[in-house]
N, C-alpha and C. Protein backbone atom coordinates (compact mmCIF):
# COMPACT_ATOMS: atom_id res chain seq x y z
N MET A 1 72.34 -12.64 -70.19
CA MET A 1 71.19 -12.49 -71.04
C MET A 1 71.22 -13.63 -72.06
N ARG A 2 70.02 -14.20 -72.30
CA ARG A 2 69.96 -15.32 -73.25
C ARG A 2 68.89 -15.07 -74.30
N LEU A 3 69.09 -15.72 -75.44
CA LEU A 3 68.12 -15.71 -76.53
C LEU A 3 67.81 -17.17 -76.86
N LEU A 4 66.57 -17.58 -76.62
CA LEU A 4 66.12 -18.92 -76.97
C LEU A 4 65.39 -18.81 -78.29
N ALA A 5 65.77 -19.65 -79.25
CA ALA A 5 65.19 -19.54 -80.59
C ALA A 5 64.93 -20.91 -81.17
N ILE A 6 63.76 -21.03 -81.79
CA ILE A 6 63.42 -22.26 -82.49
C ILE A 6 64.10 -22.23 -83.86
N GLY A 7 64.66 -23.35 -84.25
CA GLY A 7 65.34 -23.48 -85.54
C GLY A 7 66.84 -23.42 -85.35
N ARG A 8 67.52 -24.27 -86.07
CA ARG A 8 68.98 -24.29 -86.00
C ARG A 8 69.54 -23.69 -87.27
N ALA A 9 70.39 -22.70 -87.09
CA ALA A 9 70.97 -22.00 -88.24
C ALA A 9 72.10 -22.83 -88.84
N PRO A 10 72.25 -22.79 -90.16
CA PRO A 10 73.43 -23.41 -90.77
C PRO A 10 74.69 -22.76 -90.21
N ALA A 11 75.74 -23.52 -90.08
CA ALA A 11 76.97 -23.05 -89.45
C ALA A 11 77.52 -21.76 -90.06
N ARG A 12 77.41 -21.61 -91.35
CA ARG A 12 78.01 -20.45 -92.01
C ARG A 12 76.96 -19.45 -92.53
N ALA A 13 75.83 -19.39 -91.86
CA ALA A 13 74.78 -18.47 -92.29
C ALA A 13 75.21 -17.02 -92.04
N PRO A 14 75.14 -16.15 -93.06
CA PRO A 14 75.57 -14.77 -92.87
C PRO A 14 74.76 -14.04 -91.80
N GLU A 15 73.48 -14.40 -91.65
CA GLU A 15 72.66 -13.78 -90.61
C GLU A 15 73.24 -14.08 -89.22
N MET A 16 73.80 -15.26 -89.07
CA MET A 16 74.36 -15.64 -87.78
C MET A 16 75.66 -14.90 -87.50
N ASP A 17 76.40 -14.55 -88.55
CA ASP A 17 77.59 -13.72 -88.35
C ASP A 17 77.20 -12.37 -87.77
N ILE A 18 76.13 -11.79 -88.30
CA ILE A 18 75.65 -10.50 -87.80
C ILE A 18 75.17 -10.65 -86.36
N CYS A 19 74.38 -11.68 -86.11
CA CYS A 19 73.88 -11.92 -84.76
C CYS A 19 75.04 -12.07 -83.78
N SER A 20 76.02 -12.85 -84.13
CA SER A 20 77.18 -13.07 -83.26
C SER A 20 77.95 -11.79 -83.01
N ARG A 21 78.10 -10.98 -84.04
CA ARG A 21 78.82 -9.71 -83.89
C ARG A 21 78.18 -8.83 -82.82
N TYR A 22 76.86 -8.68 -82.88
CA TYR A 22 76.17 -7.85 -81.89
C TYR A 22 76.07 -8.54 -80.54
N ALA A 23 75.87 -9.85 -80.52
CA ALA A 23 75.78 -10.58 -79.25
C ALA A 23 77.05 -10.41 -78.43
N LYS A 24 78.20 -10.33 -79.10
CA LYS A 24 79.47 -10.14 -78.40
C LYS A 24 79.61 -8.72 -77.84
N ARG A 25 78.97 -7.76 -78.48
CA ARG A 25 79.04 -6.36 -78.03
C ARG A 25 78.15 -6.09 -76.82
N ILE A 26 77.09 -6.87 -76.69
CA ILE A 26 76.13 -6.69 -75.59
C ILE A 26 76.81 -7.08 -74.28
N LYS A 27 76.58 -6.27 -73.26
CA LYS A 27 77.12 -6.56 -71.94
C LYS A 27 75.97 -6.86 -71.00
N PRO A 28 75.95 -8.00 -70.40
CA PRO A 28 76.99 -9.00 -70.20
C PRO A 28 77.06 -10.06 -71.28
N GLY A 29 76.63 -9.82 -72.44
CA GLY A 29 76.67 -10.81 -73.52
C GLY A 29 75.29 -11.40 -73.75
N LEU A 30 75.08 -11.91 -74.94
CA LEU A 30 73.82 -12.54 -75.31
C LEU A 30 74.15 -13.94 -75.80
N ALA A 31 73.73 -14.93 -75.03
CA ALA A 31 73.98 -16.32 -75.38
C ALA A 31 72.79 -16.87 -76.16
N LEU A 32 73.06 -17.41 -77.32
CA LEU A 32 72.02 -17.99 -78.17
C LEU A 32 71.88 -19.48 -77.87
N VAL A 33 70.64 -19.91 -77.64
CA VAL A 33 70.33 -21.33 -77.46
C VAL A 33 69.30 -21.68 -78.52
N GLU A 34 69.65 -22.63 -79.39
CA GLU A 34 68.78 -23.02 -80.49
C GLU A 34 68.09 -24.35 -80.18
N PHE A 35 66.87 -24.47 -80.70
CA PHE A 35 66.09 -25.69 -80.53
C PHE A 35 65.60 -26.15 -81.90
N ALA A 36 65.47 -27.45 -82.06
CA ALA A 36 64.98 -28.00 -83.33
C ALA A 36 63.54 -27.58 -83.56
N ASP A 37 63.19 -27.41 -84.84
CA ASP A 37 61.81 -27.14 -85.21
C ASP A 37 60.95 -28.33 -84.79
N GLY A 38 59.71 -28.04 -84.36
CA GLY A 38 58.77 -29.11 -84.04
C GLY A 38 58.28 -29.79 -85.30
N THR A 39 57.67 -30.93 -85.14
CA THR A 39 57.12 -31.67 -86.28
C THR A 39 55.66 -32.01 -85.99
N GLY A 40 54.90 -32.30 -87.06
CA GLY A 40 53.51 -32.68 -86.92
C GLY A 40 52.59 -31.57 -87.39
N SER A 41 51.37 -31.59 -86.88
CA SER A 41 50.39 -30.57 -87.22
C SER A 41 50.81 -29.25 -86.58
N PRO A 42 50.26 -28.11 -87.06
CA PRO A 42 50.63 -26.83 -86.45
C PRO A 42 50.45 -26.79 -84.93
N VAL A 43 49.38 -27.38 -84.44
CA VAL A 43 49.14 -27.41 -82.99
C VAL A 43 50.21 -28.24 -82.30
N GLU A 44 50.54 -29.38 -82.89
CA GLU A 44 51.57 -30.26 -82.31
C GLU A 44 52.94 -29.60 -82.37
N ILE A 45 53.24 -28.91 -83.45
CA ILE A 45 54.52 -28.21 -83.58
C ILE A 45 54.66 -27.19 -82.45
N LYS A 46 53.63 -26.37 -82.27
CA LYS A 46 53.69 -25.34 -81.22
C LYS A 46 53.82 -25.97 -79.84
N ARG A 47 53.13 -27.06 -79.60
CA ARG A 47 53.20 -27.74 -78.30
C ARG A 47 54.60 -28.26 -78.03
N ARG A 48 55.20 -28.90 -79.03
CA ARG A 48 56.55 -29.46 -78.85
C ARG A 48 57.59 -28.36 -78.68
N GLU A 49 57.45 -27.31 -79.46
CA GLU A 49 58.40 -26.21 -79.33
C GLU A 49 58.25 -25.53 -77.97
N ALA A 50 57.01 -25.37 -77.51
CA ALA A 50 56.77 -24.77 -76.19
C ALA A 50 57.38 -25.62 -75.09
N GLU A 51 57.26 -26.91 -75.22
CA GLU A 51 57.84 -27.82 -74.23
C GLU A 51 59.35 -27.62 -74.14
N ALA A 52 60.00 -27.52 -75.27
CA ALA A 52 61.45 -27.31 -75.29
C ALA A 52 61.82 -25.95 -74.70
N LEU A 53 61.11 -24.90 -75.12
CA LEU A 53 61.41 -23.56 -74.64
C LEU A 53 61.17 -23.44 -73.13
N LEU A 54 60.01 -23.87 -72.68
CA LEU A 54 59.69 -23.76 -71.26
C LEU A 54 60.62 -24.59 -70.40
N GLY A 55 61.08 -25.71 -70.94
CA GLY A 55 62.03 -26.55 -70.22
C GLY A 55 63.39 -25.88 -70.05
N ALA A 56 63.69 -24.93 -70.91
CA ALA A 56 64.99 -24.24 -70.86
C ALA A 56 64.95 -22.94 -70.07
N ILE A 57 63.75 -22.45 -69.78
CA ILE A 57 63.62 -21.18 -69.04
C ILE A 57 63.76 -21.47 -67.55
N LYS A 58 64.66 -20.72 -66.92
CA LYS A 58 64.89 -20.89 -65.48
C LYS A 58 63.84 -20.10 -64.70
N PRO A 59 63.49 -20.58 -63.50
CA PRO A 59 62.44 -19.90 -62.72
C PRO A 59 62.73 -18.43 -62.43
N ASP A 60 64.00 -18.06 -62.31
CA ASP A 60 64.34 -16.67 -61.96
C ASP A 60 64.58 -15.78 -63.17
N GLU A 61 64.29 -16.28 -64.37
CA GLU A 61 64.48 -15.47 -65.58
C GLU A 61 63.22 -14.69 -65.92
N PHE A 62 63.42 -13.45 -66.36
CA PHE A 62 62.34 -12.62 -66.86
C PHE A 62 62.26 -12.86 -68.37
N VAL A 63 61.10 -13.31 -68.84
CA VAL A 63 60.93 -13.73 -70.24
C VAL A 63 60.34 -12.59 -71.07
N ILE A 64 61.00 -12.30 -72.19
CA ILE A 64 60.50 -11.34 -73.17
C ILE A 64 60.26 -12.14 -74.45
N ALA A 65 58.99 -12.27 -74.83
CA ALA A 65 58.62 -13.04 -76.02
C ALA A 65 58.50 -12.12 -77.22
N LEU A 66 59.05 -12.54 -78.34
CA LEU A 66 58.82 -11.82 -79.59
C LEU A 66 57.53 -12.37 -80.17
N ASP A 67 56.54 -11.48 -80.31
CA ASP A 67 55.21 -11.88 -80.73
C ASP A 67 54.61 -10.78 -81.58
N GLN A 68 53.96 -11.14 -82.66
CA GLN A 68 53.39 -10.13 -83.57
C GLN A 68 52.38 -9.23 -82.88
N ASP A 69 51.78 -9.67 -81.81
CA ASP A 69 50.81 -8.85 -81.09
C ASP A 69 51.43 -8.11 -79.91
N GLY A 70 52.74 -8.20 -79.76
CA GLY A 70 53.41 -7.49 -78.68
C GLY A 70 53.55 -6.01 -78.97
N ALA A 71 54.02 -5.28 -77.98
CA ALA A 71 54.28 -3.85 -78.14
C ALA A 71 55.37 -3.68 -79.20
N ALA A 72 55.26 -2.61 -79.98
CA ALA A 72 56.24 -2.34 -81.04
C ALA A 72 56.94 -1.02 -80.73
N PRO A 73 57.85 -1.02 -79.75
CA PRO A 73 58.51 0.22 -79.37
C PRO A 73 59.52 0.67 -80.41
N ASP A 74 59.82 1.98 -80.40
CA ASP A 74 60.95 2.43 -81.19
C ASP A 74 62.22 2.13 -80.37
N SER A 75 63.37 2.45 -80.90
CA SER A 75 64.62 2.09 -80.23
C SER A 75 64.77 2.76 -78.86
N ALA A 76 64.38 4.03 -78.75
CA ALA A 76 64.49 4.73 -77.47
C ALA A 76 63.55 4.12 -76.43
N ALA A 77 62.35 3.77 -76.85
CA ALA A 77 61.40 3.14 -75.93
C ALA A 77 61.87 1.75 -75.53
N LEU A 78 62.48 1.02 -76.45
CA LEU A 78 63.02 -0.29 -76.11
C LEU A 78 64.14 -0.14 -75.08
N ALA A 79 64.93 0.89 -75.21
CA ALA A 79 66.00 1.13 -74.23
C ALA A 79 65.40 1.32 -72.83
N GLN A 80 64.31 2.07 -72.74
CA GLN A 80 63.66 2.28 -71.45
C GLN A 80 63.06 0.98 -70.92
N LEU A 81 62.46 0.20 -71.80
CA LEU A 81 61.93 -1.10 -71.39
C LEU A 81 63.05 -1.99 -70.87
N LEU A 82 64.16 -2.05 -71.60
CA LEU A 82 65.29 -2.87 -71.21
C LEU A 82 65.80 -2.45 -69.82
N ALA A 83 65.90 -1.16 -69.59
CA ALA A 83 66.36 -0.67 -68.29
C ALA A 83 65.41 -1.13 -67.19
N GLY A 84 64.12 -1.04 -67.43
CA GLY A 84 63.13 -1.48 -66.44
C GLY A 84 63.19 -2.97 -66.18
N TRP A 85 63.33 -3.76 -67.25
CA TRP A 85 63.43 -5.20 -67.08
C TRP A 85 64.67 -5.57 -66.28
N GLN A 86 65.77 -4.89 -66.56
CA GLN A 86 67.01 -5.20 -65.85
C GLN A 86 66.94 -4.78 -64.38
N GLU A 87 66.16 -3.74 -64.07
CA GLU A 87 65.98 -3.35 -62.67
C GLU A 87 65.22 -4.43 -61.91
N ARG A 88 64.25 -5.06 -62.57
CA ARG A 88 63.44 -6.09 -61.93
C ARG A 88 64.15 -7.43 -61.85
N SER A 89 64.99 -7.71 -62.82
CA SER A 89 65.64 -9.01 -62.89
C SER A 89 66.96 -8.89 -63.62
N ARG A 90 67.99 -9.44 -63.05
CA ARG A 90 69.30 -9.41 -63.70
C ARG A 90 69.38 -10.47 -64.80
N LYS A 91 68.43 -11.39 -64.83
CA LYS A 91 68.46 -12.48 -65.80
C LYS A 91 67.32 -12.33 -66.79
N LEU A 92 67.65 -11.88 -67.98
CA LEU A 92 66.65 -11.71 -69.03
C LEU A 92 66.80 -12.82 -70.05
N VAL A 93 65.67 -13.29 -70.56
CA VAL A 93 65.69 -14.28 -71.64
C VAL A 93 64.67 -13.85 -72.69
N PHE A 94 65.14 -13.69 -73.92
CA PHE A 94 64.30 -13.37 -75.06
C PHE A 94 63.95 -14.68 -75.74
N VAL A 95 62.72 -14.77 -76.26
CA VAL A 95 62.26 -16.01 -76.88
C VAL A 95 61.70 -15.72 -78.27
N ILE A 96 62.21 -16.46 -79.27
CA ILE A 96 61.73 -16.37 -80.64
C ILE A 96 61.17 -17.74 -81.01
N GLY A 97 59.91 -17.77 -81.42
CA GLY A 97 59.27 -19.03 -81.79
C GLY A 97 59.62 -19.46 -83.20
N GLY A 98 58.99 -20.54 -83.61
CA GLY A 98 59.20 -21.07 -84.95
C GLY A 98 58.18 -20.50 -85.93
N ALA A 99 58.05 -21.16 -87.06
CA ALA A 99 57.19 -20.68 -88.14
C ALA A 99 55.72 -20.59 -87.71
N GLU A 100 55.31 -21.40 -86.76
CA GLU A 100 53.91 -21.39 -86.30
C GLU A 100 53.68 -20.36 -85.19
N GLY A 101 54.74 -19.72 -84.74
CA GLY A 101 54.61 -18.76 -83.64
C GLY A 101 54.79 -19.44 -82.30
N LEU A 102 54.59 -18.67 -81.24
CA LEU A 102 54.74 -19.20 -79.89
C LEU A 102 53.41 -19.73 -79.37
N ASP A 103 53.49 -20.83 -78.66
CA ASP A 103 52.32 -21.42 -78.02
C ASP A 103 51.83 -20.49 -76.90
N ALA A 104 50.55 -20.56 -76.61
CA ALA A 104 49.95 -19.73 -75.55
C ALA A 104 50.64 -19.93 -74.21
N SER A 105 51.14 -21.14 -73.94
CA SER A 105 51.82 -21.40 -72.67
C SER A 105 53.12 -20.61 -72.55
N VAL A 106 53.82 -20.40 -73.65
CA VAL A 106 55.04 -19.59 -73.63
C VAL A 106 54.68 -18.12 -73.46
N LEU A 107 53.66 -17.67 -74.17
CA LEU A 107 53.22 -16.28 -74.04
C LEU A 107 52.73 -16.00 -72.63
N ALA A 108 52.10 -16.98 -71.99
CA ALA A 108 51.63 -16.80 -70.62
C ALA A 108 52.81 -16.69 -69.64
N ARG A 109 53.90 -17.36 -69.93
CA ARG A 109 55.10 -17.31 -69.07
C ARG A 109 55.85 -16.00 -69.23
N ALA A 110 55.65 -15.32 -70.34
CA ALA A 110 56.38 -14.09 -70.64
C ALA A 110 55.93 -12.95 -69.74
N GLY A 111 56.92 -12.20 -69.26
CA GLY A 111 56.64 -10.99 -68.50
C GLY A 111 56.41 -9.80 -69.40
N ALA A 112 56.85 -9.93 -70.65
CA ALA A 112 56.68 -8.87 -71.64
C ALA A 112 56.63 -9.50 -73.03
N LYS A 113 55.94 -8.81 -73.95
CA LYS A 113 55.87 -9.25 -75.34
C LYS A 113 56.19 -8.05 -76.21
N ILE A 114 57.13 -8.24 -77.13
CA ILE A 114 57.49 -7.18 -78.05
C ILE A 114 57.41 -7.69 -79.49
N SER A 115 57.27 -6.74 -80.39
CA SER A 115 57.19 -7.04 -81.81
C SER A 115 58.22 -6.19 -82.54
N LEU A 116 58.79 -6.73 -83.59
CA LEU A 116 59.69 -5.96 -84.45
C LEU A 116 58.90 -5.33 -85.60
N GLY A 117 57.60 -5.29 -85.46
CA GLY A 117 56.75 -4.68 -86.48
C GLY A 117 55.81 -5.69 -87.09
N ARG A 118 54.96 -5.22 -87.95
CA ARG A 118 53.93 -6.06 -88.55
C ARG A 118 54.43 -6.88 -89.73
N LEU A 119 55.61 -6.57 -90.25
CA LEU A 119 56.15 -7.34 -91.36
C LEU A 119 56.59 -8.72 -90.88
N THR A 120 56.56 -9.68 -91.78
CA THR A 120 57.06 -11.02 -91.47
C THR A 120 58.53 -11.08 -91.87
N TRP A 121 59.38 -11.53 -90.93
CA TRP A 121 60.82 -11.60 -91.17
C TRP A 121 61.30 -13.04 -91.07
N PRO A 122 62.33 -13.40 -91.81
CA PRO A 122 62.93 -14.73 -91.65
C PRO A 122 63.46 -14.86 -90.22
N HIS A 123 63.23 -16.01 -89.61
CA HIS A 123 63.58 -16.20 -88.21
C HIS A 123 65.07 -16.01 -87.93
N MET A 124 65.92 -16.41 -88.86
CA MET A 124 67.36 -16.23 -88.65
C MET A 124 67.73 -14.75 -88.67
N LEU A 125 67.04 -13.97 -89.49
CA LEU A 125 67.28 -12.54 -89.55
C LEU A 125 66.76 -11.83 -88.30
N VAL A 126 65.67 -12.32 -87.74
CA VAL A 126 65.11 -11.73 -86.52
C VAL A 126 66.13 -11.80 -85.39
N ARG A 127 66.88 -12.87 -85.32
CA ARG A 127 67.91 -12.99 -84.28
C ARG A 127 68.91 -11.84 -84.38
N ALA A 128 69.38 -11.59 -85.59
CA ALA A 128 70.35 -10.50 -85.81
C ALA A 128 69.72 -9.15 -85.51
N MET A 129 68.50 -8.95 -85.95
CA MET A 129 67.81 -7.67 -85.71
C MET A 129 67.60 -7.44 -84.22
N LEU A 130 67.20 -8.47 -83.49
CA LEU A 130 66.99 -8.34 -82.06
C LEU A 130 68.31 -8.05 -81.35
N ALA A 131 69.37 -8.77 -81.70
CA ALA A 131 70.67 -8.54 -81.07
C ALA A 131 71.14 -7.11 -81.31
N GLU A 132 70.96 -6.61 -82.53
CA GLU A 132 71.36 -5.23 -82.81
C GLU A 132 70.54 -4.24 -81.99
N GLN A 133 69.24 -4.49 -81.85
CA GLN A 133 68.39 -3.57 -81.09
C GLN A 133 68.70 -3.60 -79.59
N ILE A 134 69.07 -4.75 -79.07
CA ILE A 134 69.49 -4.81 -77.66
C ILE A 134 70.78 -4.02 -77.48
N TYR A 135 71.73 -4.21 -78.40
CA TYR A 135 72.97 -3.44 -78.34
C TYR A 135 72.68 -1.94 -78.46
N ARG A 136 71.82 -1.57 -79.40
CA ARG A 136 71.46 -0.16 -79.59
C ARG A 136 70.83 0.39 -78.30
N ALA A 137 69.95 -0.38 -77.69
CA ALA A 137 69.31 0.06 -76.44
C ALA A 137 70.36 0.31 -75.36
N GLN A 138 71.33 -0.58 -75.26
CA GLN A 138 72.39 -0.38 -74.27
C GLN A 138 73.20 0.88 -74.57
N MET A 139 73.44 1.14 -75.83
CA MET A 139 74.19 2.35 -76.20
C MET A 139 73.37 3.61 -75.90
N ILE A 140 72.08 3.57 -76.13
CA ILE A 140 71.21 4.70 -75.80
C ILE A 140 71.27 4.96 -74.30
N LEU A 141 71.15 3.90 -73.50
CA LEU A 141 71.19 4.04 -72.04
C LEU A 141 72.53 4.57 -71.55
N ALA A 142 73.61 4.23 -72.27
CA ALA A 142 74.95 4.68 -71.89
C ALA A 142 75.26 6.08 -72.41
N GLY A 143 74.37 6.65 -73.22
CA GLY A 143 74.62 7.97 -73.80
C GLY A 143 75.65 7.95 -74.91
N HIS A 144 75.88 6.79 -75.48
CA HIS A 144 76.86 6.63 -76.57
C HIS A 144 76.26 7.13 -77.88
N PRO A 145 77.06 7.72 -78.75
CA PRO A 145 76.52 8.27 -80.01
C PRO A 145 76.18 7.23 -81.09
N TYR A 146 76.27 5.94 -80.80
CA TYR A 146 75.92 4.91 -81.79
C TYR A 146 74.53 5.16 -82.38
N HIS A 147 73.58 5.49 -81.51
CA HIS A 147 72.20 5.74 -81.96
C HIS A 147 72.05 7.22 -82.31
N ARG A 148 71.54 7.46 -83.47
CA ARG A 148 71.31 8.84 -83.89
C ARG A 148 69.81 9.05 -83.98
N ALA A 149 69.28 9.80 -83.02
CA ALA A 149 67.84 9.96 -82.90
C ALA A 149 67.26 10.95 -83.91
N GLY A 150 68.04 11.96 -84.28
CA GLY A 150 67.52 12.97 -85.18
C GLY A 150 67.62 12.56 -86.64
N ARG A 151 66.75 13.13 -87.43
CA ARG A 151 66.82 12.89 -88.87
C ARG A 151 67.58 14.05 -89.50
N PRO A 152 68.29 13.76 -90.59
CA PRO A 152 69.05 14.85 -91.24
C PRO A 152 68.12 15.89 -91.84
């Protein structure tokens, strides 16, 4: 499983420590691939970032794009989505765009689009949040008590 993300995190960013912690717990692991932010006008930025992202996506990978207009499942629903995606393809790749969002060409390549909600989050934090939710989804599917569905 891979995570393609626009923007390079500083080496000692605390958000990246969290992301790494969960990425290591995910089976078969979540490999992060970072790309430089695009430059130029917003349209040019999105085009350049799309070029980099699409160039890194392998033909046999199932693409899940993080997009504000994507489905916003709860953790249990994400677990079911993850199970379905893994049944269709053993190779999943999640994609996080830059500040301008994902270009239409990347969204068109995606087999699924999900959102972490309507709030705007720092891109480095989104990586950690996504990694934790993938781990949580795996724990839900395994019947592990990590996820607590009920409220006190």
